[in-house]
């Protein structure tokens, strides 16, 4: 059976602004990845780390570039070997 991977960006508003170390966030942007095999779907979300220079666009592009390798991996330990440290 074939495994497919879809990746998209979601934005959710904060109920109240989130403030930390001179930053204020009024919405949260994150990446959503869904793996599907037959009728089974697994979903995971991730928020890029701003102080490491990540953005939703960079993480989205990284996931799309690795789509085939991720979809063909069997088990989480193999996916960890695909992604950079």
C-alpha atoms as a PDB file:
ATOM      1  CA  UNK A   1       0.000   0.000   0.000  1.00  0.00           C
ATOM      2  CA  UNK A   2       1.228   3.523  -0.800  1.00  0.00           C
ATOM      3  CA  UNK A   3       1.922   6.124   1.881  1.00  0.00           C
ATOM      4  CA  UNK A   4       1.200   9.730   0.945  1.00  0.00           C
ATOM      5  CA  UNK A   5       2.359  12.879   2.739  1.00  0.00           C
ATOM      6  CA  UNK A   6       0.657  16.239   2.673  1.00  0.00           C
ATOM      7  CA  UNK A   7       2.114  19.343   4.301  1.00  0.00           C
ATOM      8  CA  UNK A   8       0.425  22.688   4.818  1.00  0.00           C
ATOM      9  CA  UNK A   9       0.630  25.820   6.963  1.00  0.00           C
ATOM     10  CA  UNK A  10      -2.061  26.774   9.478  1.00  0.00           C
ATOM     11  CA  UNK A  11      -2.459  30.045  11.365  1.00  0.00           C
ATOM     12  CA  UNK A  12      -4.452  30.213  14.588  1.00  0.00           C
ATOM     13  CA  UNK A  13      -5.214  33.435  16.456  1.00  0.00           C
ATOM     14  CA  UNK A  14      -4.197  33.689  20.103  1.00  0.00           C
ATOM     15  CA  UNK A  15      -7.064  34.220  22.519  1.00  0.00           C
ATOM     16  CA  UNK A  16      -4.945  36.931  24.133  1.00  0.00           C
ATOM     17  CA  UNK A  17      -1.525  38.218  23.026  1.00  0.00           C
ATOM     18  CA  UNK A  18       1.414  36.112  24.205  1.00  0.00           C
ATOM     19  CA  UNK A  19       4.317  38.210  25.492  1.00  0.00           C
ATOM     20  CA  UNK A  20       7.861  37.024  26.197  1.00  0.00           C
ATOM     21  CA  UNK A  21      11.273  38.748  26.146  1.00  0.00           C
ATOM     22  CA  UNK A  22      10.218  41.779  24.146  1.00  0.00           C
ATOM     23  CA  UNK A  23       8.112  39.782  21.697  1.00  0.00           C
ATOM     24  CA  UNK A  24       4.362  39.813  21.392  1.00  0.00           C
ATOM     25  CA  UNK A  25       2.527  37.169  19.401  1.00  0.00           C
ATOM     26  CA  UNK A  26      -1.134  37.488  18.467  1.00  0.00           C
ATOM     27  CA  UNK A  27      -1.270  34.420  16.208  1.00  0.00           C
ATOM     28  CA  UNK A  28       0.562  31.139  15.861  1.00  0.00           C
ATOM     29  CA  UNK A  29       1.752  29.772  12.531  1.00  0.00           C
ATOM     30  CA  UNK A  30       2.750  26.151  12.295  1.00  0.00           C
ATOM     31  CA  UNK A  31       3.329  23.310   9.896  1.00  0.00           C
ATOM     32  CA  UNK A  32       0.895  20.410   9.688  1.00  0.00           C
ATOM     33  CA  UNK A  33       2.012  17.118   8.166  1.00  0.00           C
ATOM     34  CA  UNK A  34      -0.366  14.252   7.442  1.00  0.00           C
ATOM     35  CA  UNK A  35       0.703  10.760   6.452  1.00  0.00           C
ATOM     36  CA  UNK A  36      -1.963   8.551   4.941  1.00  0.00           C
ATOM     37  CA  UNK A  37      -1.934   4.856   4.171  1.00  0.00           C
ATOM     38  CA  UNK A  38      -5.284   3.485   3.092  1.00  0.00           C
ATOM     39  CA  UNK A  39      -7.905   4.604   5.614  1.00  0.00           C
ATOM     40  CA  UNK A  40      -5.327   5.430   8.317  1.00  0.00           C
ATOM     41  CA  UNK A  41      -4.156   9.034   8.743  1.00  0.00           C
ATOM     42  CA  UNK A  42      -1.506  10.324  11.136  1.00  0.00           C
ATOM     43  CA  UNK A  43      -1.205  14.045  11.804  1.00  0.00           C
ATOM     44  CA  UNK A  44       1.583  16.037  13.407  1.00  0.00           C
ATOM     45  CA  UNK A  45       2.163  19.720  13.974  1.00  0.00           C
ATOM     46  CA  UNK A  46       5.328  21.720  14.532  1.00  0.00           C
ATOM     47  CA  UNK A  47       6.221  25.310  15.268  1.00  0.00           C
ATOM     48  CA  UNK A  48       9.483  26.617  13.764  1.00  0.00           C
ATOM     49  CA  UNK A  49      12.066  27.953  16.226  1.00  0.00           C
ATOM     50  CA  UNK A  50      12.493  31.661  15.471  1.00  0.00           C
ATOM     51  CA  UNK A  51      15.862  32.049  17.244  1.00  0.00           C
ATOM     52  CA  UNK A  52      17.335  29.273  15.074  1.00  0.00           C
ATOM     53  CA  UNK A  53      16.338  31.183  11.949  1.00  0.00           C
ATOM     54  CA  UNK A  54      13.473  28.845  11.069  1.00  0.00           C
ATOM     55  CA  UNK A  55      10.215  30.091   9.596  1.00  0.00           C
ATOM     56  CA  UNK A  56       7.010  28.370   8.599  1.00  0.00           C
ATOM     57  CA  UNK A  57       8.048  28.816   4.975  1.00  0.00           C
ATOM     58  CA  UNK A  58      11.511  27.256   5.480  1.00  0.00           C
ATOM     59  CA  UNK A  59      10.164  24.262   7.423  1.00  0.00           C
ATOM     60  CA  UNK A  60       7.334  23.805   4.904  1.00  0.00           C
ATOM     61  CA  UNK A  61       9.833  23.803   2.025  1.00  0.00           C
ATOM     62  CA  UNK A  62      12.105  21.374   3.871  1.00  0.00           C
ATOM     63  CA  UNK A  63       9.219  18.942   4.400  1.00  0.00           C
ATOM     64  CA  UNK A  64       8.148  19.203   0.753  1.00  0.00           C
ATOM     65  CA  UNK A  65      11.719  18.573  -0.418  1.00  0.00           C
ATOM     66  CA  UNK A  66      11.832  15.411   1.709  1.00  0.00           C
ATOM     67  CA  UNK A  67       8.251  14.305   0.951  1.00  0.00           C
ATOM     68  CA  UNK A  68       9.171  11.153  -0.979  1.00  0.00           C
ATOM     69  CA  UNK A  69      11.818  10.033   1.520  1.00  0.00           C
ATOM     70  CA  UNK A  70       9.492  10.615   4.494  1.00  0.00           C
ATOM     71  CA  UNK A  71       6.557   8.828   2.852  1.00  0.00           C
ATOM     72  CA  UNK A  72       8.770   5.836   2.037  1.00  0.00           C
ATOM     73  CA  UNK A  73      10.303   5.578   5.527  1.00  0.00           C
ATOM     74  CA  UNK A  74       8.920   2.846   7.750  1.00  0.00           C
ATOM     75  CA  UNK A  75       8.957   3.826  11.427  1.00  0.00           C
ATOM     76  CA  UNK A  76       9.923   7.083  13.120  1.00  0.00           C
ATOM     77  CA  UNK A  77      13.578   6.113  13.595  1.00  0.00           C
ATOM     78  CA  UNK A  78      14.109   6.121   9.834  1.00  0.00           C
ATOM     79  CA  UNK A  79      12.487   9.549   9.468  1.00  0.00           C
ATOM     80  CA  UNK A  80      14.904  10.929  12.080  1.00  0.00           C
ATOM     81  CA  UNK A  81      17.815   9.819   9.874  1.00  0.00           C
ATOM     82  CA  UNK A  82      16.386  11.803   6.937  1.00  0.00           C
ATOM     83  CA  UNK A  83      16.011  15.121   8.753  1.00  0.00           C
ATOM     84  CA  UNK A  84      19.043  17.253   9.607  1.00  0.00           C
ATOM     85  CA  UNK A  85      20.107  17.447  13.288  1.00  0.00           C
END
